[in-house]
C-alpha atoms as a PDB file:
ATOM      1  CA  MET A   1     -51.503 129.013 247.159  1.00  0.00           C
ATOM      2  CA  ALA A   2     -54.587 129.651 245.166  1.00  0.00           C
ATOM      3  CA  LEU A   3     -52.487 131.828 242.603  1.00  0.00           C
ATOM      4  CA  PHE A   4     -50.473 128.574 241.653  1.00  0.00           C
ATOM      5  CA  ASN A   5     -53.907 126.992 240.982  1.00  0.00           C
ATOM      6  CA  ARG A   6     -54.831 129.330 238.519  1.00  0.00           C
ATOM      7  CA  LEU A   7     -51.535 128.599 236.282  1.00  0.00           C
ATOM      8  CA  PRO A   8     -52.390 126.513 233.293  1.00  0.00           C
ATOM      9  CA  LYS A   9     -50.699 123.210 233.326  1.00  0.00           C
ATOM     10  CA  VAL A  10     -47.884 122.553 230.864  1.00  0.00           C
ATOM     11  CA  SER A  11     -49.849 120.707 228.863  1.00  0.00           C
ATOM     12  CA  LYS A  12     -51.687 123.394 227.885  1.00  0.00           C
ATOM     13  CA  ILE A  13     -48.753 125.895 227.687  1.00  0.00           C
ATOM     14  CA  ALA A  14     -46.974 123.448 225.133  1.00  0.00           C
ATOM     15  CA  PRO A  15     -49.375 124.294 222.523  1.00  0.00           C
ATOM     16  CA  VAL A  16     -49.563 127.830 222.778  1.00  0.00           C
ATOM     17  CA  TYR A  17     -46.005 127.890 222.952  1.00  0.00           C
ATOM     18  CA  ALA A  18     -45.458 125.835 219.756  1.00  0.00           C
ATOM     19  CA  LEU A  19     -47.502 128.379 218.043  1.00  0.00           C
ATOM     20  CA  THR A  20     -45.550 131.226 219.432  1.00  0.00           C
ATOM     21  CA  VAL A  21     -42.246 129.589 218.013  1.00  0.00           C
ATOM     22  CA  LEU A  22     -43.423 128.924 214.544  1.00  0.00           C
ATOM     23  CA  PRO A  23     -43.454 132.642 213.526  1.00  0.00           C
ATOM     24  CA  VAL A  24     -40.779 133.743 215.591  1.00  0.00           C
ATOM     25  CA  TYR A  25     -38.386 131.463 214.466  1.00  0.00           C
ATOM     26  CA  GLY A  26     -39.672 131.318 210.966  1.00  0.00           C
ATOM     27  CA  TRP A  27     -39.042 135.120 210.653  1.00  0.00           C
ATOM     28  CA  THR A  28     -35.584 134.555 212.227  1.00  0.00           C
ATOM     29  CA  ILE A  29     -34.706 131.696 209.795  1.00  0.00           C
ATOM     30  CA  LEU A  30     -36.162 133.853 206.864  1.00  0.00           C
ATOM     31  CA  TRP A  31     -33.994 136.887 208.010  1.00  0.00           C
ATOM     32  CA  PHE A  32     -31.049 134.743 208.390  1.00  0.00           C
ATOM     33  CA  PHE A  33     -31.262 133.076 204.871  1.00  0.00           C
ATOM     34  CA  TRP A  34     -31.840 136.069 203.403  1.00  0.00           C
ATOM     35  CA  ARG A  35     -28.509 137.682 204.502  1.00  0.00           C
ATOM     36  CA  LEU A  36     -26.376 134.616 203.858  1.00  0.00           C
ATOM     37  CA  PRO A  37     -25.286 135.010 200.747  1.00  0.00           C
ATOM     38  CA  SER A  38     -23.808 138.365 201.213  1.00  0.00           C
ATOM     39  CA  TRP A  39     -22.324 136.949 204.441  1.00  0.00           C
ATOM     40  CA  LEU A  40     -20.259 134.414 202.584  1.00  0.00           C
ATOM     41  CA  PHE A  41     -18.087 137.304 200.805  1.00  0.00           C
ATOM     42  CA  PHE A  42     -16.921 138.672 204.154  1.00  0.00           C
ATOM     43  CA  THR A  43     -17.242 136.131 207.011  1.00  0.00           C
ATOM     44  CA  ASN A  44     -16.229 132.692 207.980  1.00  0.00           C
ATOM     45  CA  ILE A  45     -18.314 129.801 208.915  1.00  0.00           C
ATOM     46  CA  GLY A  46     -17.504 130.525 212.643  1.00  0.00           C
ATOM     47  CA  GLU A  47     -18.760 133.867 212.444  1.00  0.00           C
ATOM     48  CA  ILE A  48     -21.999 132.785 210.526  1.00  0.00           C
ATOM     49  CA  LEU A  49     -22.495 130.001 213.107  1.00  0.00           C
ATOM     50  CA  GLY A  50     -22.423 132.693 215.982  1.00  0.00           C
ATOM     51  CA  ILE A  51     -24.792 134.755 214.261  1.00  0.00           C
ATOM     52  CA  PHE A  52     -27.055 131.954 214.302  1.00  0.00           C
ATOM     53  CA  ALA A  53     -26.655 130.982 217.673  1.00  0.00           C
ATOM     54  CA  TYR A  54     -27.255 134.540 218.968  1.00  0.00           C
ATOM     55  CA  ALA A  55     -30.420 134.520 217.030  1.00  0.00           C
ATOM     56  CA  MET A  56     -31.594 131.355 218.220  1.00  0.00           C
ATOM     57  CA  ALA A  57     -30.781 131.926 221.756  1.00  0.00           C
ATOM     58  CA  LEU A  58     -32.532 135.426 221.368  1.00  0.00           C
ATOM     59  CA  ASN A  59     -35.617 133.912 219.647  1.00  0.00           C
ATOM     60  CA  LEU A  60     -35.984 131.318 222.910  1.00  0.00           C
ATOM     61  CA  LEU A  61     -36.049 134.552 225.197  1.00  0.00           C
ATOM     62  CA  GLU A  62     -38.452 136.232 223.057  1.00  0.00           C
ATOM     63  CA  SER A  63     -40.696 133.335 222.690  1.00  0.00           C
ATOM     64  CA  LEU A  64     -40.798 132.582 226.356  1.00  0.00           C
ATOM     65  CA  CYS A  65     -41.720 136.417 227.062  1.00  0.00           C
ATOM     66  CA  VAL A  66     -44.498 136.336 224.581  1.00  0.00           C
ATOM     67  CA  VAL A  67     -45.928 133.227 226.087  1.00  0.00           C
ATOM     68  CA  LEU A  68     -45.568 134.728 229.336  1.00  0.00           C
ATOM     69  CA  ILE A  69     -48.403 136.991 228.049  1.00  0.00           C
ATOM     70  CA  PRO A  70     -51.106 134.585 228.068  1.00  0.00           C
ATOM     71  CA  VAL A  71     -50.107 132.740 231.051  1.00  0.00           C
ATOM     72  CA  LEU A  72     -50.357 135.862 233.244  1.00  0.00           C
ATOM     73  CA  LEU A  73     -53.658 136.660 231.672  1.00  0.00           C
ATOM     74  CA  SER A  74     -55.113 133.347 232.861  1.00  0.00           C
ATOM     75  CA  VAL A  75     -53.579 134.176 236.383  1.00  0.00           C
ATOM     76  CA  ALA A  76     -55.005 137.429 236.536  1.00  0.00           C
ATOM     77  CA  LEU A  77     -58.231 137.246 234.582  1.00  0.00           C
ATOM     78  CA  PRO A  78     -61.725 135.321 236.241  1.00  0.00           C
ATOM     79  CA  GLN A  79     -60.837 131.621 235.220  1.00  0.00           C
ATOM     80  CA  LYS A  80     -64.097 131.581 232.920  1.00  0.00           C
ATOM     81  CA  TRP A  81     -62.575 134.491 231.016  1.00  0.00           C
ATOM     82  CA  PHE A  82     -59.378 132.870 229.784  1.00  0.00           C
ATOM     83  CA  TYR A  83     -58.252 129.854 231.851  1.00  0.00           C
ATOM     84  CA  ASP A  84     -61.008 127.535 230.913  1.00  0.00           C
ATOM     85  CA  ARG A  85     -60.398 127.946 227.400  1.00  0.00           C
ATOM     86  CA  PHE A  86     -56.608 128.711 227.360  1.00  0.00           C
ATOM     87  CA  VAL A  87     -55.034 126.999 224.513  1.00  0.00           C
ATOM     88  CA  ALA A  88     -57.744 128.437 222.039  1.00  0.00           C
ATOM     89  CA  ARG A  89     -57.667 131.896 223.599  1.00  0.00           C
ATOM     90  CA  GLY A  90     -53.913 131.659 223.990  1.00  0.00           C
ATOM     91  CA  ALA A  91     -53.092 130.803 220.645  1.00  0.00           C
ATOM     92  CA  ALA A  92     -55.267 133.256 218.967  1.00  0.00           C
ATOM     93  CA  LEU A  93     -53.824 136.031 221.470  1.00  0.00           C
ATOM     94  CA  VAL A  94     -50.249 135.100 220.590  1.00  0.00           C
ATOM     95  CA  LEU A  95     -50.755 134.805 216.659  1.00  0.00           C
ATOM     96  CA  LEU A  96     -52.759 138.297 216.568  1.00  0.00           C
ATOM     97  CA  LEU A  97     -50.249 139.794 218.746  1.00  0.00           C
ATOM     98  CA  LEU A  98     -47.139 138.607 216.829  1.00  0.00           C
ATOM     99  CA  GLY A  99     -48.730 139.149 213.154  1.00  0.00           C
ATOM    100  CA  TYR A 100     -49.661 142.841 214.720  1.00  0.00           C
ATOM    101  CA  ALA A 101     -45.551 143.158 215.793  1.00  0.00           C
ATOM    102  CA  MET A 102     -44.579 142.008 212.467  1.00  0.00           C
ATOM    103  CA  PHE A 103     -46.956 144.459 210.778  1.00  0.00           C
ATOM    104  CA  PHE A 104     -45.973 147.131 213.699  1.00  0.00           C
ATOM    105  CA  THR A 105     -42.257 146.449 212.675  1.00  0.00           C
ATOM    106  CA  ALA A 106     -43.015 146.766 208.629  1.00  0.00           C
ATOM    107  CA  ARG A 107     -44.477 150.188 208.964  1.00  0.00           C
ATOM    108  CA  LEU A 108     -41.803 152.009 211.240  1.00  0.00           C
ATOM    109  CA  GLN A 109     -39.507 150.959 208.328  1.00  0.00           C
ATOM    110  CA  TYR A 110     -41.291 153.651 206.171  1.00  0.00           C
ATOM    111  CA  GLU A 111     -42.090 156.272 208.643  1.00  0.00           C
ATOM    112  CA  ASP A 112     -39.870 159.046 209.862  1.00  0.00           C
ATOM    113  CA  GLY A 113     -39.487 159.056 213.601  1.00  0.00           C
ATOM    114  CA  TYR A 114     -42.524 157.523 215.488  1.00  0.00           C
ATOM    115  CA  PRO A 115     -45.806 158.828 214.029  1.00  0.00           C
ATOM    116  CA  LYS A 116     -48.443 159.462 216.595  1.00  0.00           C
ATOM    117  CA  SER A 117     -51.187 158.093 214.339  1.00  0.00           C
ATOM    118  CA  LEU A 118     -49.425 154.914 214.615  1.00  0.00           C
ATOM    119  CA  LEU A 119     -49.734 155.189 218.288  1.00  0.00           C
ATOM    120  CA  LEU A 120     -53.535 155.724 217.712  1.00  0.00           C
ATOM    121  CA  TRP A 121     -53.853 152.677 215.513  1.00  0.00           C
ATOM    122  CA  SER A 122     -52.040 150.486 217.855  1.00  0.00           C
ATOM    123  CA  VAL A 123     -54.738 151.504 220.456  1.00  0.00           C
ATOM    124  CA  LEU A 124     -57.190 150.168 218.318  1.00  0.00           C
ATOM    125  CA  ALA A 125     -55.801 147.157 216.898  1.00  0.00           C
ATOM    126  CA  LEU A 126     -55.122 145.840 220.356  1.00  0.00           C
ATOM    127  CA  CYS A 127     -58.523 146.334 221.139  1.00  0.00           C
ATOM    128  CA  MET A 128     -59.993 144.832 218.441  1.00  0.00           C
ATOM    129  CA  ILE A 129     -57.232 141.769 219.421  1.00  0.00           C
ATOM    130  CA  ALA A 130     -59.011 141.589 222.566  1.00  0.00           C
ATOM    131  CA  LEU A 131     -62.117 141.534 220.922  1.00  0.00           C
ATOM    132  CA  LEU A 132     -61.115 138.590 218.823  1.00  0.00           C
ATOM    133  CA  VAL A 133     -59.790 136.621 221.342  1.00  0.00           C
ATOM    134  CA  TYR A 134     -62.893 136.745 223.505  1.00  0.00           C
ATOM    135  CA  LEU A 135     -64.792 135.762 220.447  1.00  0.00           C
ATOM    136  CA  VAL A 136     -62.520 132.773 219.516  1.00  0.00           C
ATOM    137  CA  GLY A 137     -63.499 131.350 222.760  1.00  0.00           C
ATOM    138  CA  LYS A 138     -67.090 131.728 222.202  1.00  0.00           C
ATOM    139  CA  ILE A 139     -67.081 130.126 218.536  1.00  0.00           C
ATOM    140  CA  PRO A 140     -66.875 126.467 219.104  1.00  0.00           C
ATOM    141  CA  ILE A 141     -65.285 125.747 215.553  1.00  0.00           C
ATOM    142  CA  ALA A 142     -62.825 128.493 216.020  1.00  0.00           C
ATOM    143  CA  CYS A 143     -61.745 126.965 219.272  1.00  0.00           C
ATOM    144  CA  LYS A 144     -61.064 123.323 217.884  1.00  0.00           C
ATOM    145  CA  LEU A 145     -59.233 124.634 214.828  1.00  0.00           C
ATOM    146  CA  LEU A 146     -56.796 126.473 217.001  1.00  0.00           C
ATOM    147  CA  GLU A 147     -56.347 123.781 219.078  1.00  0.00           C
ATOM    148  CA  ALA A 148     -55.600 121.208 216.508  1.00  0.00           C
ATOM    149  CA  LEU A 149     -53.521 123.807 214.875  1.00  0.00           C
ATOM    150  CA  SER A 150     -51.555 124.325 218.420  1.00  0.00           C
ATOM    151  CA  ASP A 151     -51.388 120.419 218.827  1.00  0.00           C
ATOM    152  CA  ARG A 152     -49.827 120.077 215.414  1.00  0.00           C
ATOM    153  CA  ALA A 153     -47.245 122.645 215.841  1.00  0.00           C
ATOM    154  CA  ILE A 154     -45.875 120.777 219.223  1.00  0.00           C
ATOM    155  CA  VAL A 155     -43.733 118.719 216.699  1.00  0.00           C
ATOM    156  CA  PHE A 156     -41.415 121.939 215.940  1.00  0.00           C
ATOM    157  CA  LEU A 157     -40.512 122.415 219.591  1.00  0.00           C
ATOM    158  CA  TYR A 158     -38.699 119.069 219.214  1.00  0.00           C
ATOM    159  CA  LEU A 159     -36.537 120.621 216.740  1.00  0.00           C
ATOM    160  CA  PHE A 160     -36.305 124.417 217.709  1.00  0.00           C
ATOM    161  CA  ILE A 161     -35.787 123.962 221.637  1.00  0.00           C
ATOM    162  CA  PRO A 162     -32.589 121.896 221.727  1.00  0.00           C
ATOM    163  CA  ILE A 163     -31.128 124.072 219.001  1.00  0.00           C
ATOM    164  CA  SER A 164     -32.047 127.131 220.925  1.00  0.00           C
ATOM    165  CA  LEU A 165     -30.627 125.501 224.080  1.00  0.00           C
ATOM    166  CA  ILE A 166     -27.293 124.840 222.452  1.00  0.00           C
ATOM    167  CA  SER A 167     -27.253 128.261 220.964  1.00  0.00           C
ATOM    168  CA  LEU A 168     -27.556 129.822 224.531  1.00  0.00           C
ATOM    169  CA  LEU A 169     -24.996 127.339 225.677  1.00  0.00           C
ATOM    170  CA  VAL A 170     -22.826 128.699 223.063  1.00  0.00           C
ATOM    171  CA  VAL A 171     -23.573 132.121 223.631  1.00  0.00           C
ATOM    172  CA  ILE A 172     -23.024 132.058 227.295  1.00  0.00           C
ATOM    173  CA  PHE A 173     -19.723 130.055 226.427  1.00  0.00           C
ATOM    174  CA  ARG A 174     -18.441 132.873 224.058  1.00  0.00           C
ATOM    175  CA  ASN A 175     -19.432 135.486 226.381  1.00  0.00           C
ATOM    176  CA  LEU A 176     -17.610 134.157 229.466  1.00  0.00           C
ATOM    177  CA  LEU A 177     -14.361 133.476 227.577  1.00  0.00           C
END
């Protein structure tokens, strides 16, 4: 039962999730509108909406998986390390991990195979991310900035969660019939 006491409250998870939603959904919407003009030549509106539904449903699952990382860290680490500053450290962790994932994905496009040097840089980058997340919790102005940003990002949840849930229902319906 003590394990459940270490779970952050929904009021603390929501701002971190909101900051997770911004880059994940933003990246997908950018990708979608980049390809939309070419799709108009060979697909109909139903297929385009289907592609959008699959993308939004996948974004819901991706963003939930990403926000699970700081939640699990909050449970696993001592309370003073992560739980006490969950919003600030969780937001920093999510933004840095997603930023590095975008960088990593872009670098793989230009490499042949999977370069070993990129793996070494990944280990170094993860260590730097851990250090930066720790330092963010020690700097009061950084904490306030990330908490304010994440509180303001909650507005996007009112838009993206309903779209994602409807998209998930569409995906389930299309695959069952």
